[in-house]
Protein backbone atom coordinates (compact mmCIF):
# COMPACT_ATOMS: atom_id res chain seq x y z
CA MET A 1 -25.16 22.41 -8.21
CA ASP A 2 -21.48 21.53 -7.88
CA ARG A 3 -19.85 18.34 -9.09
CA VAL A 4 -20.06 16.51 -5.75
CA GLU A 5 -23.76 17.30 -5.43
CA GLU A 6 -24.31 16.01 -8.97
CA ILE A 7 -22.53 12.78 -8.11
CA GLN A 8 -24.50 12.43 -4.90
CA ALA A 9 -27.78 12.95 -6.76
CA ALA A 10 -26.77 10.38 -9.38
CA ILE A 11 -25.88 7.85 -6.67
CA GLU A 12 -29.19 8.46 -4.91
CA SER A 13 -31.04 7.55 -8.10
CA LEU A 14 -29.21 4.26 -8.70
CA PRO A 15 -31.03 0.96 -8.52
CA PRO A 16 -29.84 -1.30 -5.66
CA GLU A 17 -27.57 -3.50 -7.79
CA ASP A 18 -25.79 -0.51 -9.32
CA LEU A 19 -25.41 1.05 -5.87
CA ARG A 20 -23.88 -2.21 -4.63
CA ARG A 21 -21.39 -2.13 -7.51
CA ILE A 22 -20.43 1.49 -6.78
CA VAL A 23 -19.96 0.71 -3.08
CA GLN A 24 -17.79 -2.30 -3.96
CA TRP A 25 -15.72 -0.23 -6.40
CA PHE A 26 -15.25 2.52 -3.83
CA HIS A 27 -14.21 0.02 -1.16
CA GLU A 28 -11.65 -1.60 -3.50
CA ARG A 29 -10.30 1.82 -4.53
CA LYS A 30 -9.95 2.86 -0.91
CA GLN A 31 -8.15 -0.41 -0.11
CA ARG A 32 -5.72 0.04 -3.01
CA ARG A 33 -4.89 3.56 -1.82
CA TRP A 34 -4.38 2.30 1.73
CA ASP A 35 -2.10 -0.49 0.50
CA ALA A 36 -0.08 1.95 -1.62
CA LYS A 37 0.33 4.31 1.35
CA MET A 38 1.44 1.47 3.62
CA ASP A 39 3.95 0.30 0.99
CA SER A 40 5.26 3.82 0.56
CA ASP A 41 5.57 4.39 4.32
CA SER A 42 7.26 1.03 4.77
CA LEU A 43 9.81 1.70 2.02
CA ALA A 44 10.51 5.11 3.56
CA GLY A 45 11.22 3.50 6.93
CA LYS A 46 8.24 5.13 8.63
CA LEU A 47 7.09 1.78 10.04
CA ASP A 48 10.46 0.56 11.28
CA PHE A 49 9.53 1.48 14.83
CA LEU A 50 6.85 -1.23 14.73
CA PHE A 51 9.42 -3.91 13.92
CA GLU A 52 11.71 -2.63 16.65
CA GLU A 53 8.84 -2.66 19.13
CA ALA A 54 7.92 -6.23 18.19
CA GLU A 55 11.54 -7.39 18.46
CA ASN A 56 11.83 -5.80 21.92
CA GLU A 57 8.59 -7.41 23.09
CA LEU A 58 9.71 -10.77 21.71
CA ALA A 59 13.00 -10.48 23.60
CA GLU A 60 11.06 -9.65 26.78
CA GLY A 61 8.62 -12.54 26.28
CA LEU A 62 5.65 -10.20 25.93
CA LEU A 63 4.38 -11.26 22.51
CA ARG A 64 1.24 -13.35 22.34
CA GLU A 65 0.00 -15.52 19.51
CA TRP A 66 -2.63 -13.92 17.30
CA PRO A 67 -5.27 -15.01 16.91
CA PRO A 68 -5.16 -16.57 20.34
CA PRO A 69 -5.40 -20.36 20.39
CA LYS A 70 -8.86 -21.71 21.19
């Protein structure tokens, strides 16, 4: 049995509350990694095209309010 299979087996045997805690931890970890990647890409200028696109759409009157007004 490899390491991943061992982890999977351990997770399968967890009581519901412990499983909930692991799922929450995993979600938070995944979110932190996503945030770090977005920060890194932004600092590297990889997202600049999004700002340019928004500025162009604003100049053309194509931007809409989000969320839309009720």
